[in-house]
Amino acid sequence: MRDLDVELLWWEGCPSTERALAAVREALAEAGMEGVPVRTPEIRTDDDARDAGFVGSPTILIDGVDLVPAAAEEQIGLSCRVYRRRDGRVSPIPDPDDLREALQSAAERAEVTK
């Protein structure tokens, strides 16, 4: 199986980067993928945001795909991202179940394409 490409895009203006990174690492560990590296490129400028399709910090990409695809009303730019959890609450990080499911799905795709 090839390694997954996991990225956490962040902007310094949002305080949830460390929480999001911890959640990603926890989900990887729960899935038995502790060795998968998590890249953490910083989005510093509006140009960076535009080039990355960045709709807010943190944005988690798995094999280049946003963990939670952006809603049509979300604007590209330097901002803090808000996620809706499965229980309806809003959060600065994704729902842990969404994270686990996205990792599992990506791992299954990687297994098929090896």
PDB file of N, CA and C in Angstrom:
ATOM      1  N   MET A   1       0.845  -1.186   0.000  1.00  0.00           N
ATOM      2  CA  MET A   1       0.000   0.000   0.000  1.00  0.00           C
ATOM      3  C   MET A   1       0.884   1.241   0.000  1.00  0.00           C
ATOM      4  N   ARG A   2       0.535   2.214  -0.786  1.00  0.00           N
ATOM      5  CA  ARG A   2       1.286   3.469  -0.795  1.00  0.00           C
ATOM      6  C   ARG A   2       0.879   4.303   0.413  1.00  0.00           C
ATOM      7  N   ASP A   3       1.764   5.219   0.800  1.00  0.00           N
ATOM      8  CA  ASP A   3       1.443   6.108   1.917  1.00  0.00           C
ATOM      9  C   ASP A   3       0.386   7.116   1.509  1.00  0.00           C
ATOM     10  N   LEU A   4      -0.436   7.473   2.455  1.00  0.00           N
ATOM     11  CA  LEU A   4      -1.394   8.549   2.235  1.00  0.00           C
ATOM     12  C   LEU A   4      -0.666   9.877   2.313  1.00  0.00           C
ATOM     13  N   ASP A   5      -1.175  10.854   1.606  1.00  0.00           N
ATOM     14  CA  ASP A   5      -0.658  12.217   1.682  1.00  0.00           C
ATOM     15  C   ASP A   5      -1.628  13.003   2.558  1.00  0.00           C
ATOM     16  N   VAL A   6      -1.193  13.328   3.766  1.00  0.00           N
ATOM     17  CA  VAL A   6      -2.049  14.045   4.710  1.00  0.00           C
ATOM     18  C   VAL A   6      -1.437  15.415   4.968  1.00  0.00           C
ATOM     19  N   GLU A   7      -2.243  16.447   4.753  1.00  0.00           N
ATOM     20  CA  GLU A   7      -1.799  17.824   4.979  1.00  0.00           C
ATOM     21  C   GLU A   7      -2.789  18.545   5.880  1.00  0.00           C
ATOM     22  N   LEU A   8      -2.258  19.380   6.737  1.00  0.00           N
ATOM     23  CA  LEU A   8      -3.078  20.284   7.530  1.00  0.00           C
ATOM     24  C   LEU A   8      -2.625  21.695   7.157  1.00  0.00           C
ATOM     25  N   LEU A   9      -3.455  22.379   6.382  1.00  0.00           N
ATOM     26  CA  LEU A   9      -3.158  23.752   5.977  1.00  0.00           C
ATOM     27  C   LEU A   9      -3.634  24.679   7.080  1.00  0.00           C
ATOM     28  N   TRP A  10      -2.792  25.644   7.438  1.00  0.00           N
ATOM     29  CA  TRP A  10      -3.154  26.510   8.557  1.00  0.00           C
ATOM     30  C   TRP A  10      -2.720  27.943   8.291  1.00  0.00           C
ATOM     31  N   TRP A  11      -3.351  28.831   9.063  1.00  0.00           N
ATOM     32  CA  TRP A  11      -3.046  30.260   9.027  1.00  0.00           C
ATOM     33  C   TRP A  11      -2.820  30.699  10.461  1.00  0.00           C
ATOM     34  N   GLU A  12      -1.804  31.527  10.670  1.00  0.00           N
ATOM     35  CA  GLU A  12      -1.418  31.895  12.036  1.00  0.00           C
ATOM     36  C   GLU A  12      -2.497  32.661  12.795  1.00  0.00           C
ATOM     37  N   GLY A  13      -3.472  33.207  12.124  1.00  0.00           N
ATOM     38  CA  GLY A  13      -4.519  33.973  12.788  1.00  0.00           C
ATOM     39  C   GLY A  13      -5.566  33.131  13.497  1.00  0.00           C
ATOM     40  N   CYS A  14      -5.488  31.815  13.360  1.00  0.00           N
ATOM     41  CA  CYS A  14      -6.469  30.941  14.007  1.00  0.00           C
ATOM     42  C   CYS A  14      -5.793  30.078  15.067  1.00  0.00           C
ATOM     43  N   PRO A  15      -6.429  29.960  16.213  1.00  0.00           N
ATOM     44  CA  PRO A  15      -5.802  29.265  17.343  1.00  0.00           C
ATOM     45  C   PRO A  15      -5.994  27.751  17.374  1.00  0.00           C
ATOM     46  N   SER A  16      -6.654  27.163  16.406  1.00  0.00           N
ATOM     47  CA  SER A  16      -7.023  25.749  16.517  1.00  0.00           C
ATOM     48  C   SER A  16      -6.077  24.782  15.804  1.00  0.00           C
ATOM     49  N   THR A  17      -4.951  25.272  15.315  1.00  0.00           N
ATOM     50  CA  THR A  17      -4.034  24.412  14.564  1.00  0.00           C
ATOM     51  C   THR A  17      -3.559  23.219  15.384  1.00  0.00           C
ATOM     52  N   GLU A  18      -3.101  23.454  16.594  1.00  0.00           N
ATOM     53  CA  GLU A  18      -2.568  22.356  17.416  1.00  0.00           C
ATOM     54  C   GLU A  18      -3.649  21.333  17.759  1.00  0.00           C
ATOM     55  N   ARG A  19      -4.853  21.801  18.057  1.00  0.00           N
ATOM     56  CA  ARG A  19      -5.966  20.869  18.329  1.00  0.00           C
ATOM     57  C   ARG A  19      -6.271  20.015  17.108  1.00  0.00           C
ATOM     58  N   ALA A  20      -6.275  20.653  15.941  1.00  0.00           N
ATOM     59  CA  ALA A  20      -6.565  19.920  14.710  1.00  0.00           C
ATOM     60  C   ALA A  20      -5.465  18.906  14.414  1.00  0.00           C
ATOM     61  N   LEU A  21      -4.218  19.308  14.601  1.00  0.00           N
ATOM     62  CA  LEU A  21      -3.104  18.397  14.357  1.00  0.00           C
ATOM     63  C   LEU A  21      -3.171  17.201  15.308  1.00  0.00           C
ATOM     64  N   ALA A  22      -3.488  17.452  16.559  1.00  0.00           N
ATOM     65  CA  ALA A  22      -3.632  16.360  17.527  1.00  0.00           C
ATOM     66  C   ALA A  22      -4.766  15.418  17.115  1.00  0.00           C
ATOM     67  N   ALA A  23      -5.865  15.971  16.623  1.00  0.00           N
ATOM     68  CA  ALA A  23      -6.997  15.143  16.192  1.00  0.00           C
ATOM     69  C   ALA A  23      -6.625  14.280  14.988  1.00  0.00           C
ATOM     70  N   VAL A  24      -5.878  14.853  14.051  1.00  0.00           N
ATOM     71  CA  VAL A  24      -5.439  14.089  12.878  1.00  0.00           C
ATOM     72  C   VAL A  24      -4.527  12.945  13.318  1.00  0.00           C
ATOM     73  N   ARG A  25      -3.564  13.250  14.167  1.00  0.00           N
ATOM     74  CA  ARG A  25      -2.634  12.206  14.626  1.00  0.00           C
ATOM     75  C   ARG A  25      -3.360  11.121  15.421  1.00  0.00           C
ATOM     76  N   GLU A  26      -4.333  11.512  16.224  1.00  0.00           N
ATOM     77  CA  GLU A  26      -5.111  10.531  16.986  1.00  0.00           C
ATOM     78  C   GLU A  26      -5.899   9.619  16.048  1.00  0.00           C
ATOM     79  N   ALA A  27      -6.518  10.203  15.028  1.00  0.00           N
ATOM     80  CA  ALA A  27      -7.284   9.402  14.070  1.00  0.00           C
ATOM     81  C   ALA A  27      -6.371   8.457  13.296  1.00  0.00           C
ATOM     82  N   LEU A  28      -5.183   8.934  12.921  1.00  0.00           N
ATOM     83  CA  LEU A  28      -4.222   8.059  12.244  1.00  0.00           C
ATOM     84  C   LEU A  28      -3.827   6.893  13.146  1.00  0.00           C
ATOM     85  N   ALA A  29      -3.563   7.186  14.404  1.00  0.00           N
ATOM     86  CA  ALA A  29      -3.172   6.135  15.353  1.00  0.00           C
ATOM     87  C   ALA A  29      -4.297   5.119  15.525  1.00  0.00           C
ATOM     88  N   GLU A  30      -5.529   5.598  15.649  1.00  0.00           N
ATOM     89  CA  GLU A  30      -6.673   4.695  15.807  1.00  0.00           C
ATOM     90  C   GLU A  30      -6.851   3.793  14.596  1.00  0.00           C
ATOM     91  N   ALA A  31      -6.439   4.294  13.424  1.00  0.00           N
ATOM     92  CA  ALA A  31      -6.561   3.520  12.190  1.00  0.00           C
ATOM     93  C   ALA A  31      -5.336   2.644  11.937  1.00  0.00           C
ATOM     94  N   GLY A  32      -4.381   2.644  12.869  1.00  0.00           N
ATOM     95  CA  GLY A  32      -3.169   1.855  12.694  1.00  0.00           C
ATOM     96  C   GLY A  32      -2.197   2.460  11.704  1.00  0.00           C
ATOM     97  N   MET A  33      -2.289   3.777  11.495  1.00  0.00           N
ATOM     98  CA  MET A  33      -1.437   4.469  10.524  1.00  0.00           C
ATOM     99  C   MET A  33      -0.533   5.496  11.204  1.00  0.00           C
ATOM    100  N   GLU A  34       0.014   5.134  12.370  1.00  0.00           N
ATOM    101  CA  GLU A  34       0.832   6.079  13.134  1.00  0.00           C
ATOM    102  C   GLU A  34       2.004   6.629  12.334  1.00  0.00           C
ATOM    103  N   GLY A  35       2.534   5.838  11.409  1.00  0.00           N
ATOM    104  CA  GLY A  35       3.718   6.247  10.659  1.00  0.00           C
ATOM    105  C   GLY A  35       3.455   7.206   9.515  1.00  0.00           C
ATOM    106  N   VAL A  36       2.205   7.485   9.222  1.00  0.00           N
ATOM    107  CA  VAL A  36       1.894   8.398   8.118  1.00  0.00           C
ATOM    108  C   VAL A  36       2.225   9.822   8.546  1.00  0.00           C
ATOM    109  N   PRO A  37       3.116  10.487   7.811  1.00  0.00           N
ATOM    110  CA  PRO A  37       3.458  11.863   8.188  1.00  0.00           C
ATOM    111  C   PRO A  37       2.317  12.828   7.874  1.00  0.00           C
ATOM    112  N   VAL A  38       2.244  13.874   8.665  1.00  0.00           N
ATOM    113  CA  VAL A  38       1.267  14.942   8.431  1.00  0.00           C
ATOM    114  C   VAL A  38       2.060  16.195   8.097  1.00  0.00           C
ATOM    115  N   ARG A  39       1.924  16.649   6.864  1.00  0.00           N
ATOM    116  CA  ARG A  39       2.595  17.895   6.469  1.00  0.00           C
ATOM    117  C   ARG A  39       1.739  19.071   6.925  1.00  0.00           C
ATOM    118  N   THR A  40       2.401  20.156   7.306  1.00  0.00           N
ATOM    119  CA  THR A  40       1.677  21.312   7.858  1.00  0.00           C
ATOM    120  C   THR A  40       2.101  22.613   7.173  1.00  0.00           C
ATOM    121  N   PRO A  41       1.786  22.755   5.894  1.00  0.00           N
ATOM    122  CA  PRO A  41       2.150  23.999   5.221  1.00  0.00           C
ATOM    123  C   PRO A  41       1.331  25.183   5.746  1.00  0.00           C
ATOM    124  N   GLU A  42       2.031  26.275   5.985  1.00  0.00           N
ATOM    125  CA  GLU A  42       1.368  27.490   6.451  1.00  0.00           C
ATOM    126  C   GLU A  42       0.886  28.304   5.257  1.00  0.00           C
ATOM    127  N   ILE A  43      -0.332  28.778   5.341  1.00  0.00           N
ATOM    128  CA  ILE A  43      -0.892  29.679   4.341  1.00  0.00           C
ATOM    129  C   ILE A  43      -0.660  31.089   4.876  1.00  0.00           C
ATOM    130  N   ARG A  44       0.181  31.856   4.198  1.00  0.00           N
ATOM    131  CA  ARG A  44       0.609  33.156   4.731  1.00  0.00           C
ATOM    132  C   ARG A  44      -0.028  34.359   4.049  1.00  0.00           C
ATOM    133  N   THR A  45      -0.393  34.199   2.800  1.00  0.00           N
ATOM    134  CA  THR A  45      -0.880  35.350   2.040  1.00  0.00           C
ATOM    135  C   THR A  45      -2.178  35.000   1.314  1.00  0.00           C
ATOM    136  N   ASP A  46      -2.856  36.031   0.837  1.00  0.00           N
ATOM    137  CA  ASP A  46      -4.055  35.799   0.031  1.00  0.00           C
ATOM    138  C   ASP A  46      -3.715  35.003  -1.225  1.00  0.00           C
ATOM    139  N   ASP A  47      -2.534  35.257  -1.793  1.00  0.00           N
ATOM    140  CA  ASP A  47      -2.110  34.489  -2.966  1.00  0.00           C
ATOM    141  C   ASP A  47      -1.945  33.013  -2.620  1.00  0.00           C
ATOM    142  N   ASP A  48      -1.326  32.726  -1.460  1.00  0.00           N
ATOM    143  CA  ASP A  48      -1.203  31.330  -1.009  1.00  0.00           C
ATOM    144  C   ASP A  48      -2.587  30.701  -0.879  1.00  0.00           C
ATOM    145  N   ALA A  49      -3.516  31.443  -0.274  1.00  0.00           N
ATOM    146  CA  ALA A  49      -4.872  30.935  -0.066  1.00  0.00           C
ATOM    147  C   ALA A  49      -5.538  30.628  -1.403  1.00  0.00           C
ATOM    148  N   ARG A  50      -5.408  31.532  -2.335  1.00  0.00           N
ATOM    149  CA  ARG A  50      -6.013  31.334  -3.652  1.00  0.00           C
ATOM    150  C   ARG A  50      -5.396  30.116  -4.346  1.00  0.00           C
ATOM    151  N   ASP A  51      -4.068  30.009  -4.307  1.00  0.00           N
ATOM    152  CA  ASP A  51      -3.387  28.890  -4.964  1.00  0.00           C
ATOM    153  C   ASP A  51      -3.782  27.541  -4.363  1.00  0.00           C
ATOM    154  N   ALA A  52      -4.030  27.512  -3.056  1.00  0.00           N
ATOM    155  CA  ALA A  52      -4.364  26.263  -2.363  1.00  0.00           C
ATOM    156  C   ALA A  52      -5.864  26.001  -2.296  1.00  0.00           C
ATOM    157  N   GLY A  53      -6.689  26.964  -2.730  1.00  0.00           N
ATOM    158  CA  GLY A  53      -8.135  26.819  -2.567  1.00  0.00           C
ATOM    159  C   GLY A  53      -8.523  26.790  -1.099  1.00  0.00           C
ATOM    160  N   PHE A  54      -7.809  27.571  -0.300  1.00  0.00           N
ATOM    161  CA  PHE A  54      -7.903  27.571   1.162  1.00  0.00           C
ATOM    162  C   PHE A  54      -9.121  28.357   1.628  1.00  0.00           C
ATOM    163  N   VAL A  55     -10.061  27.655   2.291  1.00  0.00           N
ATOM    164  CA  VAL A  55     -11.284  28.308   2.771  1.00  0.00           C
ATOM    165  C   VAL A  55     -11.257  28.537   4.276  1.00  0.00           C
ATOM    166  N   GLY A  56     -10.102  28.368   4.873  1.00  0.00           N
ATOM    167  CA  GLY A  56      -9.980  28.664   6.296  1.00  0.00           C
ATOM    168  C   GLY A  56      -9.100  27.671   7.021  1.00  0.00           C
ATOM    169  N   SER A  57      -8.680  28.105   8.186  1.00  0.00           N
ATOM    170  CA  SER A  57      -7.763  27.330   9.015  1.00  0.00           C
ATOM    171  C   SER A  57      -8.505  26.700  10.182  1.00  0.00           C
ATOM    172  N   PRO A  58      -8.298  25.416  10.370  1.00  0.00           N
ATOM    173  CA  PRO A  58      -7.457  24.490   9.614  1.00  0.00           C
ATOM    174  C   PRO A  58      -8.243  23.833   8.472  1.00  0.00           C
ATOM    175  N   THR A  59      -7.535  23.514   7.408  1.00  0.00           N
ATOM    176  CA  THR A  59      -8.088  22.710   6.326  1.00  0.00           C
ATOM    177  C   THR A  59      -7.260  21.439   6.256  1.00  0.00           C
ATOM    178  N   ILE A  60      -7.922  20.306   6.263  1.00  0.00           N
ATOM    179  CA  ILE A  60      -7.237  19.016   6.246  1.00  0.00           C
ATOM    180  C   ILE A  60      -7.477  18.363   4.892  1.00  0.00           C
ATOM    181  N   LEU A  61      -6.379  18.048   4.218  1.00  0.00           N
ATOM    182  CA  LEU A  61      -6.438  17.393   2.920  1.00  0.00           C
ATOM    183  C   LEU A  61      -5.890  15.979   3.053  1.00  0.00           C
ATOM    184  N   ILE A  62      -6.581  15.027   2.469  1.00  0.00           N
ATOM    185  CA  ILE A  62      -6.121  13.646   2.422  1.00  0.00           C
ATOM    186  C   ILE A  62      -6.026  13.270   0.952  1.00  0.00           C
ATOM    187  N   ASP A  63      -4.805  13.005   0.513  1.00  0.00           N
ATOM    188  CA  ASP A  63      -4.532  12.768  -0.905  1.00  0.00           C
ATOM    189  C   ASP A  63      -5.069  13.915  -1.758  1.00  0.00           C
ATOM    190  N   GLY A  64      -4.907  15.134  -1.257  1.00  0.00           N
ATOM    191  CA  GLY A  64      -5.281  16.330  -1.994  1.00  0.00           C
ATOM    192  C   GLY A  64      -6.752  16.692  -1.947  1.00  0.00           C
ATOM    193  N   VAL A  65      -7.557  15.901  -1.241  1.00  0.00           N
ATOM    194  CA  VAL A  65      -9.002  16.131  -1.174  1.00  0.00           C
ATOM    195  C   VAL A  65      -9.359  16.667   0.205  1.00  0.00           C
ATOM    196  N   ASP A  66     -10.122  17.747   0.229  1.00  0.00           N
ATOM    197  CA  ASP A  66     -10.555  18.341   1.493  1.00  0.00           C
ATOM    198  C   ASP A  66     -11.392  17.327   2.265  1.00  0.00           C
ATOM    199  N   LEU A  67     -11.035  17.136   3.523  1.00  0.00           N
ATOM    200  CA  LEU A  67     -11.757  16.221   4.406  1.00  0.00           C
ATOM    201  C   LEU A  67     -13.253  16.529   4.407  1.00  0.00           C
ATOM    202  N   VAL A  68     -13.579  17.799   4.490  1.00  0.00           N
ATOM    203  CA  VAL A  68     -14.967  18.255   4.458  1.00  0.00           C
ATOM    204  C   VAL A  68     -15.051  19.276   3.326  1.00  0.00           C
ATOM    205  N   PRO A  69     -15.545  18.859   2.169  1.00  0.00           N
ATOM    206  CA  PRO A  69     -15.593  19.799   1.052  1.00  0.00           C
ATOM    207  C   PRO A  69     -16.274  21.109   1.447  1.00  0.00           C
ATOM    208  N   ALA A  70     -15.694  22.191   0.985  1.00  0.00           N
ATOM    209  CA  ALA A  70     -16.196  23.521   1.327  1.00  0.00           C
ATOM    210  C   ALA A  70     -17.600  23.730   0.765  1.00  0.00           C
ATOM    211  N   ALA A  71     -18.416  24.385   1.548  1.00  0.00           N
ATOM    212  CA  ALA A  71     -19.750  24.768   1.089  1.00  0.00           C
ATOM    213  C   ALA A  71     -19.615  25.902   0.074  1.00  0.00           C
ATOM    214  N   ALA A  72     -20.600  26.028  -0.781  1.00  0.00           N
ATOM    215  CA  ALA A  72     -20.550  27.030  -1.845  1.00  0.00           C
ATOM    216  C   ALA A  72     -20.357  28.440  -1.305  1.00  0.00           C
ATOM    217  N   GLU A  73     -20.895  28.710  -0.104  1.00  0.00           N
ATOM    218  CA  GLU A  73     -20.799  30.070   0.432  1.00  0.00           C
ATOM    219  C   GLU A  73     -19.455  30.367   1.100  1.00  0.00           C
ATOM    220  N   GLU A  74     -18.612  29.358   1.281  1.00  0.00           N
ATOM    221  CA  GLU A  74     -17.312  29.597   1.913  1.00  0.00           C
ATOM    222  C   GLU A  74     -16.377  30.281   0.923  1.00  0.00           C
ATOM    223  N   GLN A  75     -15.749  31.334   1.391  1.00  0.00           N
ATOM    224  CA  GLN A  75     -14.867  32.131   0.554  1.00  0.00           C
ATOM    225  C   GLN A  75     -13.415  31.714   0.740  1.00  0.00           C
ATOM    226  N   ILE A  76     -12.659  31.720  -0.341  1.00  0.00           N
ATOM    227  CA  ILE A  76     -11.224  31.467  -0.265  1.00  0.00           C
ATOM    228  C   ILE A  76     -10.562  32.680   0.358  1.00  0.00           C
ATOM    229  N   GLY A  77      -9.683  32.434   1.324  1.00  0.00           N
ATOM    230  CA  GLY A  77      -8.963  33.538   1.952  1.00  0.00           C
ATOM    231  C   GLY A  77      -8.450  33.175   3.325  1.00  0.00           C
ATOM    232  N   LEU A  78      -7.790  34.136   3.938  1.00  0.00           N
ATOM    233  CA  LEU A  78      -7.215  33.967   5.269  1.00  0.00           C
ATOM    234  C   LEU A  78      -8.312  34.155   6.305  1.00  0.00           C
ATOM    235  N   SER A  79      -8.768  33.058   6.872  1.00  0.00           N
ATOM    236  CA  SER A  79      -9.841  33.104   7.863  1.00  0.00           C
ATOM    237  C   SER A  79      -9.785  31.843   8.717  1.00  0.00           C
ATOM    238  N   CYS A  80     -10.567  31.853   9.775  1.00  0.00           N
ATOM    239  CA  CYS A  80     -10.715  30.659  10.609  1.00  0.00           C
ATOM    240  C   CYS A  80     -11.887  29.850  10.065  1.00  0.00           C
ATOM    241  N   ARG A  81     -11.696  28.570   9.973  1.00  0.00           N
ATOM    242  CA  ARG A  81     -12.731  27.697   9.433  1.00  0.00           C
ATOM    243  C   ARG A  81     -13.629  27.191  10.555  1.00  0.00           C
ATOM    244  N   VAL A  82     -14.874  26.995  10.236  1.00  0.00           N
ATOM    245  CA  VAL A  82     -15.843  26.448  11.184  1.00  0.00           C
ATOM    246  C   VAL A  82     -16.411  25.173  10.571  1.00  0.00           C
ATOM    247  N   TYR A  83     -16.413  24.125  11.359  1.00  0.00           N
ATOM    248  CA  TYR A  83     -16.959  22.839  10.936  1.00  0.00           C
ATOM    249  C   TYR A  83     -18.251  22.560  11.690  1.00  0.00           C
ATOM    250  N   ARG A  84     -19.152  21.843  11.055  1.00  0.00           N
ATOM    251  CA  ARG A  84     -20.367  21.399  11.727  1.00  0.00           C
ATOM    252  C   ARG A  84     -20.170  19.935  12.101  1.00  0.00           C
ATOM    253  N   ARG A  85     -20.316  19.661  13.379  1.00  0.00           N
ATOM    254  CA  ARG A  85     -20.196  18.284  13.866  1.00  0.00           C
ATOM    255  C   ARG A  85     -21.486  17.533  13.597  1.00  0.00           C
ATOM    256  N   ARG A  86     -21.424  16.240  13.700  1.00  0.00           N
ATOM    257  CA  ARG A  86     -22.592  15.401  13.407  1.00  0.00           C
ATOM    258  C   ARG A  86     -23.754  15.657  14.352  1.00  0.00           C
ATOM    259  N   ASP A  87     -23.450  16.127  15.558  1.00  0.00           N
ATOM    260  CA  ASP A  87     -24.529  16.424  16.509  1.00  0.00           C
ATOM    261  C   ASP A  87     -25.087  17.836  16.323  1.00  0.00           C
ATOM    262  N   GLY A  88     -24.617  18.541  15.279  1.00  0.00           N
ATOM    263  CA  GLY A  88     -25.130  19.867  14.966  1.00  0.00           C
ATOM    264  C   GLY A  88     -24.327  21.019  15.533  1.00  0.00           C
ATOM    265  N   ARG A  89     -23.447  20.739  16.487  1.00  0.00           N
ATOM    266  CA  ARG A  89     -22.629  21.811  17.063  1.00  0.00           C
ATOM    267  C   ARG A  89     -21.601  22.290  16.042  1.00  0.00           C
ATOM    268  N   VAL A  90     -21.174  23.536  16.199  1.00  0.00           N
ATOM    269  CA  VAL A  90     -20.081  24.044  15.378  1.00  0.00           C
ATOM    270  C   VAL A  90     -18.784  23.889  16.164  1.00  0.00           C
ATOM    271  N   SER A  91     -17.687  23.745  15.421  1.00  0.00           N
ATOM    272  CA  SER A  91     -16.397  23.479  16.037  1.00  0.00           C
ATOM    273  C   SER A  91     -15.293  24.030  15.141  1.00  0.00           C
ATOM    274  N   PRO A  92     -14.148  24.402  15.721  1.00  0.00           N
ATOM    275  CA  PRO A  92     -13.025  24.850  14.905  1.00  0.00           C
ATOM    276  C   PRO A  92     -12.237  23.693  14.291  1.00  0.00           C
ATOM    277  N   ILE A  93     -12.602  22.454  14.634  1.00  0.00           N
ATOM    278  CA  ILE A  93     -11.956  21.286  14.029  1.00  0.00           C
ATOM    279  C   ILE A  93     -13.044  20.316  13.576  1.00  0.00           C
ATOM    280  N   PRO A  94     -12.721  19.447  12.608  1.00  0.00           N
ATOM    281  CA  PRO A  94     -13.738  18.521  12.102  1.00  0.00           C
ATOM    282  C   PRO A  94     -14.184  17.504  13.146  1.00  0.00           C
ATOM    283  N   ASP A  95     -15.342  16.928  12.907  1.00  0.00           N
ATOM    284  CA  ASP A  95     -15.852  15.853  13.751  1.00  0.00           C
ATOM    285  C   ASP A  95     -14.877  14.672  13.667  1.00  0.00           C
ATOM    286  N   PRO A  96     -14.503  14.081  14.787  1.00  0.00           N
ATOM    287  CA  PRO A  96     -13.571  12.945  14.759  1.00  0.00           C
ATOM    288  C   PRO A  96     -14.058  11.787  13.890  1.00  0.00           C
ATOM    289  N   ASP A  97     -15.361  11.554  13.847  1.00  0.00           N
ATOM    290  CA  ASP A  97     -15.888  10.477  13.004  1.00  0.00           C
ATOM    291  C   ASP A  97     -15.680  10.781  11.523  1.00  0.00           C
ATOM    292  N   ASP A  98     -15.829  12.041  11.118  1.00  0.00           N
ATOM    293  CA  ASP A  98     -15.572  12.423   9.727  1.00  0.00           C
ATOM    294  C   ASP A  98     -14.105  12.186   9.378  1.00  0.00           C
ATOM    295  N   LEU A  99     -13.235  12.524  10.296  1.00  0.00           N
ATOM    296  CA  LEU A  99     -11.800  12.342  10.087  1.00  0.00           C
ATOM    297  C   LEU A  99     -11.464  10.856   9.937  1.00  0.00           C
ATOM    298  N   ARG A 100     -11.979  10.038  10.837  1.00  0.00           N
ATOM    299  CA  ARG A 100     -11.714   8.593  10.770  1.00  0.00           C
ATOM    300  C   ARG A 100     -12.239   7.994   9.464  1.00  0.00           C
ATOM    301  N   GLU A 101     -13.452   8.370   9.085  1.00  0.00           N
ATOM    302  CA  GLU A 101     -14.040   7.823   7.858  1.00  0.00           C
ATOM    303  C   GLU A 101     -13.254   8.242   6.620  1.00  0.00           C
ATOM    304  N   ALA A 102     -12.801   9.489   6.578  1.00  0.00           N
ATOM    305  CA  ALA A 102     -12.026   9.963   5.431  1.00  0.00           C
ATOM    306  C   ALA A 102     -10.695   9.223   5.331  1.00  0.00           C
ATOM    307  N   LEU A 103     -10.043   8.998   6.458  1.00  0.00           N
ATOM    308  CA  LEU A 103      -8.778   8.257   6.449  1.00  0.00           C
ATOM    309  C   LEU A 103      -9.000   6.814   6.006  1.00  0.00           C
ATOM    310  N   GLN A 104     -10.042   6.185   6.514  1.00  0.00           N
ATOM    311  CA  GLN A 104     -10.332   4.798   6.140  1.00  0.00           C
ATOM    312  C   GLN A 104     -10.633   4.695   4.650  1.00  0.00           C
ATOM    313  N   SER A 105     -11.428   5.609   4.141  1.00  0.00           N
ATOM    314  CA  SER A 105     -11.770   5.603   2.721  1.00  0.00           C
ATOM    315  C   SER A 105     -10.526   5.804   1.859  1.00  0.00           C
ATOM    316  N   ALA A 106      -9.669   6.744   2.248  1.00  0.00           N
ATOM    317  CA  ALA A 106      -8.436   6.991   1.495  1.00  0.00           C
ATOM    318  C   ALA A 106      -7.515   5.779   1.553  1.00  0.00           C
ATOM    319  N   ALA A 107      -7.440   5.131   2.709  1.00  0.00           N
ATOM    320  CA  ALA A 107      -6.600   3.934   2.845  1.00  0.00           C
ATOM    321  C   ALA A 107      -7.116   2.815   1.944  1.00  0.00           C
ATOM    322  N   GLU A 108      -8.428   2.667   1.862  1.00  0.00           N
ATOM    323  CA  GLU A 108      -9.009   1.643   0.990  1.00  0.00           C
ATOM    324  C   GLU A 108      -8.720   1.948  -0.474  1.00  0.00           C
ATOM    325  N   ARG A 109      -8.817   3.211  -0.868  1.00  0.00           N
ATOM    326  CA  ARG A 109      -8.491   3.594  -2.248  1.00  0.00           C
ATOM    327  C   ARG A 109      -7.021   3.328  -2.535  1.00  0.00           C
ATOM    328  N   ALA A 110      -6.153   3.638  -1.578  1.00  0.00           N
ATOM    329  CA  ALA A 110      -4.715   3.427  -1.759  1.00  0.00           C
ATOM    330  C   ALA A 110      -4.412   1.941  -1.921  1.00  0.00           C
ATOM    331  N   GLU A 111      -5.117   1.102  -1.183  1.00  0.00           N
ATOM    332  CA  GLU A 111      -4.921  -0.348  -1.279  1.00  0.00           C
ATOM    333  C   GLU A 111      -5.317  -0.841  -2.665  1.00  0.00           C
ATOM    334  N   VAL A 112      -6.390  -0.302  -3.200  1.00  0.00           N
ATOM    335  CA  VAL A 112      -6.873  -0.707  -4.518  1.00  0.00           C
ATOM    336  C   VAL A 112      -5.905  -0.269  -5.606  1.00  0.00           C
ATOM    337  N   THR A 113      -5.258   0.886  -5.436  1.00  0.00           N
ATOM    338  CA  THR A 113      -4.405   1.437  -6.494  1.00  0.00           C
ATOM    339  C   THR A 113      -2.938   1.083  -6.342  1.00  0.00           C
ATOM    340  N   LYS A 114      -2.589   0.227  -5.390  1.00  0.00           N
ATOM    341  CA  LYS A 114      -1.157  -0.071  -5.195  1.00  0.00           C
ATOM    342  C   LYS A 114      -0.571  -0.842  -6.343  1.00  0.00           C
TER     343      LYS A 114
END
